[in-house]
Amino acid sequence: MAYLIDGNNLIGYISPSNLKKPESKRDLAYQLLIFQKFKKTKIFLVFDGPLDLELPLEDFQKKSLSIFYPNFGQDADYIIKKIIDQQTDLRRFYVVSSDRDIKNYARRQGAISLSSAEFSKQLKKVLKRHKKSQEMKKDVANLSPLEISYWLKIFSRKK
């Protein structure tokens, strides 16, 4: 199973006001790393525009999250179609975009098309599960009877 995600399209759906903010691409990439970890899947993330120098691509390529930017004169749609064409088995290949042309192209090639709204729901569920699992991992310090006695003495002193 793999997901091919139209990054700008998804950011525009999740948080339209953040689309122009440079950190929005980085934030989405980190959220997708969590999604990838829980779903144990490969993710191809395609952004429009120039390479974001704040997004350390080497950190992501090692973790089954590949990030792509179009070359000069190309757009994300071109890259997305090219990635779809390179796949040999599209039965469990999800293309995430609300762009009608991309969705239709994906379906014609045999991929499963998900709108940004549909995928956003899946992403939110995974992020919520991740947050709960992180809360459960918090270390709880168990105090010894000696420590409890010490703190009781400190806080129960009368002035």
Protein backbone atom coordinates (compact mmCIF):
# COMPACT_ATOMS: atom_id res chain seq x y z
CA MET A 1 0.00 0.00 0.00
CA ALA A 2 1.23 3.50 -0.83
CA TYR A 3 -0.08 7.05 -0.83
CA LEU A 4 0.75 9.70 -3.41
CA ILE A 5 -0.18 13.08 -1.95
CA ASP A 6 -0.66 16.42 -3.67
CA GLY A 7 0.91 18.39 -0.81
CA ASN A 8 -0.20 21.92 -1.64
CA ASN A 9 -3.72 20.68 -2.33
CA LEU A 10 -3.89 18.94 1.06
CA ILE A 11 -2.47 21.95 2.93
CA GLY A 12 -4.99 24.16 1.12
CA TYR A 13 -7.80 21.94 2.38
CA ILE A 14 -6.56 21.45 5.95
CA SER A 15 -5.47 25.02 6.56
CA PRO A 16 -5.96 27.44 3.65
CA SER A 17 -4.54 30.37 5.60
CA ASN A 18 -1.25 28.49 6.12
CA LEU A 19 -0.71 27.60 2.46
CA LYS A 20 1.76 30.45 1.92
CA LYS A 21 3.63 29.88 5.18
CA PRO A 22 6.93 28.06 4.68
CA GLU A 23 6.52 25.93 7.80
CA SER A 24 3.24 24.46 6.49
CA LYS A 25 5.13 22.04 4.21
CA ARG A 26 7.39 20.97 7.05
CA ASP A 27 4.43 20.52 9.41
CA LEU A 28 2.59 18.37 6.87
CA ALA A 29 5.71 16.26 6.28
CA TYR A 30 6.08 15.55 10.01
CA GLN A 31 2.39 14.68 10.32
CA LEU A 32 2.75 12.29 7.40
CA LEU A 33 5.75 10.64 9.07
CA ILE A 34 3.45 9.80 11.99
CA PHE A 35 0.78 8.57 9.56
CA GLN A 36 3.38 6.46 7.75
CA LYS A 37 4.59 4.93 11.02
CA PHE A 38 1.07 3.90 12.07
CA LYS A 39 -0.07 2.69 8.64
CA LYS A 40 3.29 1.11 7.74
CA THR A 41 3.06 2.38 4.20
CA LYS A 42 5.11 4.27 1.64
CA ILE A 43 4.27 7.92 1.02
CA PHE A 44 5.12 10.07 -1.97
CA LEU A 45 4.58 13.76 -1.20
CA VAL A 46 4.63 16.24 -4.07
CA PHE A 47 4.78 20.01 -3.60
CA ASP A 48 4.42 22.82 -6.12
CA GLY A 49 7.00 25.54 -6.28
CA PRO A 50 10.70 25.68 -5.51
CA LEU A 51 12.53 23.38 -3.14
CA ASP A 52 12.00 24.29 0.52
CA LEU A 53 15.48 24.59 2.02
CA GLU A 54 14.02 24.37 5.55
CA LEU A 55 12.73 20.86 4.85
CA PRO A 56 15.69 18.45 5.24
CA LEU A 57 14.88 15.94 2.49
CA GLU A 58 17.55 13.48 3.63
CA ASP A 59 15.73 13.05 6.94
CA PHE A 60 12.59 11.94 5.18
CA GLN A 61 13.90 9.79 2.33
CA LYS A 62 15.17 7.25 4.89
CA LYS A 63 11.75 6.85 6.48
CA SER A 64 9.59 5.75 3.55
CA LEU A 65 8.45 9.31 2.93
CA SER A 66 9.75 10.67 -0.35
CA ILE A 67 9.28 14.37 -1.09
CA PHE A 68 9.28 15.69 -4.63
CA TYR A 69 9.42 19.17 -6.14
CA PRO A 70 8.94 19.87 -9.84
CA ASN A 71 11.83 21.04 -11.96
CA PHE A 72 11.75 24.48 -13.50
CA GLY A 73 8.92 24.66 -16.04
CA GLN A 74 7.02 21.73 -14.51
CA ASP A 75 4.24 21.59 -11.95
CA ALA A 76 3.22 19.12 -9.26
CA ASP A 77 0.54 17.60 -11.53
CA TYR A 78 3.24 16.52 -13.99
CA ILE A 79 5.25 14.84 -11.20
CA ILE A 80 2.14 13.15 -9.78
CA LYS A 81 1.17 11.70 -13.17
CA LYS A 82 4.75 10.55 -13.75
CA ILE A 83 4.82 8.74 -10.38
CA ILE A 84 1.46 7.08 -11.14
CA ASP A 85 2.78 5.92 -14.52
CA GLN A 86 5.86 4.35 -12.88
CA GLN A 87 3.81 2.11 -10.57
CA THR A 88 3.41 -1.54 -11.51
CA ASP A 89 0.53 -2.38 -9.15
CA LEU A 90 -2.05 0.34 -8.59
CA ARG A 91 -4.67 -1.78 -6.79
CA ARG A 92 -3.56 -0.47 -3.38
CA PHE A 93 -2.09 2.82 -4.53
CA TYR A 94 -3.95 5.85 -3.15
CA VAL A 95 -3.73 9.22 -4.88
CA VAL A 96 -4.72 12.10 -2.58
CA SER A 97 -5.87 15.25 -4.32
CA SER A 98 -9.01 17.26 -4.83
CA ASP A 99 -7.82 18.31 -8.29
CA ARG A 100 -10.38 16.85 -10.70
CA ASP A 101 -7.80 16.21 -13.45
CA ILE A 102 -5.49 14.31 -11.07
CA LYS A 103 -8.35 12.28 -9.59
CA ASN A 104 -9.62 11.28 -13.04
CA TYR A 105 -6.11 10.41 -14.24
CA ALA A 106 -5.50 8.24 -11.18
CA ARG A 107 -8.78 6.36 -11.65
CA ARG A 108 -8.13 5.80 -15.37
CA GLN A 109 -4.75 4.26 -14.52
CA GLY A 110 -6.29 1.96 -11.89
CA ALA A 111 -5.29 3.80 -8.70
CA ILE A 112 -7.64 4.64 -5.85
CA SER A 113 -8.48 8.31 -5.70
CA LEU A 114 -9.07 10.05 -2.36
CA SER A 115 -10.07 13.67 -1.97
CA SER A 116 -8.16 15.87 0.45
CA ALA A 117 -11.25 15.83 2.68
CA GLU A 118 -11.34 12.01 2.81
CA PHE A 119 -7.64 11.70 3.51
CA SER A 120 -7.74 14.51 6.08
CA LYS A 121 -10.20 12.44 8.15
CA GLN A 122 -7.82 9.46 8.08
CA LEU A 123 -4.87 11.68 9.01
CA LYS A 124 -6.73 13.23 11.95
CA LYS A 125 -7.64 9.79 13.31
CA VAL A 126 -4.04 8.63 13.15
CA LEU A 127 -2.72 11.83 14.74
CA LYS A 128 -5.25 11.46 17.54
CA ARG A 129 -4.14 7.84 18.15
CA HIS A 130 -0.53 8.99 18.12
CA LYS A 131 -1.23 11.69 20.69
CA LYS A 132 -2.94 9.18 22.97
CA SER A 133 -0.07 6.72 22.65
CA GLN A 134 2.44 9.48 23.46
CA GLU A 135 0.45 10.39 26.57
CA MET A 136 0.50 6.78 27.71
CA LYS A 137 4.29 6.65 27.29
CA LYS A 138 4.86 9.53 29.69
CA ASP A 139 7.07 8.50 32.55
CA VAL A 140 5.46 8.58 35.94
CA ALA A 141 7.97 8.94 38.71
CA ASN A 142 7.27 6.68 41.64
CA LEU A 143 8.62 8.25 44.79
CA SER A 144 10.19 6.20 47.50
CA PRO A 145 8.83 6.48 51.07
CA LEU A 146 11.96 8.46 51.99
CA GLU A 147 11.31 10.98 49.17
CA ILE A 148 7.66 11.33 50.16
CA SER A 149 8.67 11.98 53.76
CA TYR A 150 11.21 14.59 52.65
CA TRP A 151 8.72 16.49 50.46
CA LEU A 152 6.05 16.37 53.15
CA LYS A 153 8.46 17.93 55.59
CA ILE A 154 9.34 20.72 53.17
CA PHE A 155 5.78 21.59 52.21
CA SER A 156 4.19 21.18 55.61
CA ARG A 157 6.53 23.52 57.50
CA LYS A 158 4.74 26.25 59.29
CA LYS A 159 6.15 29.72 58.98
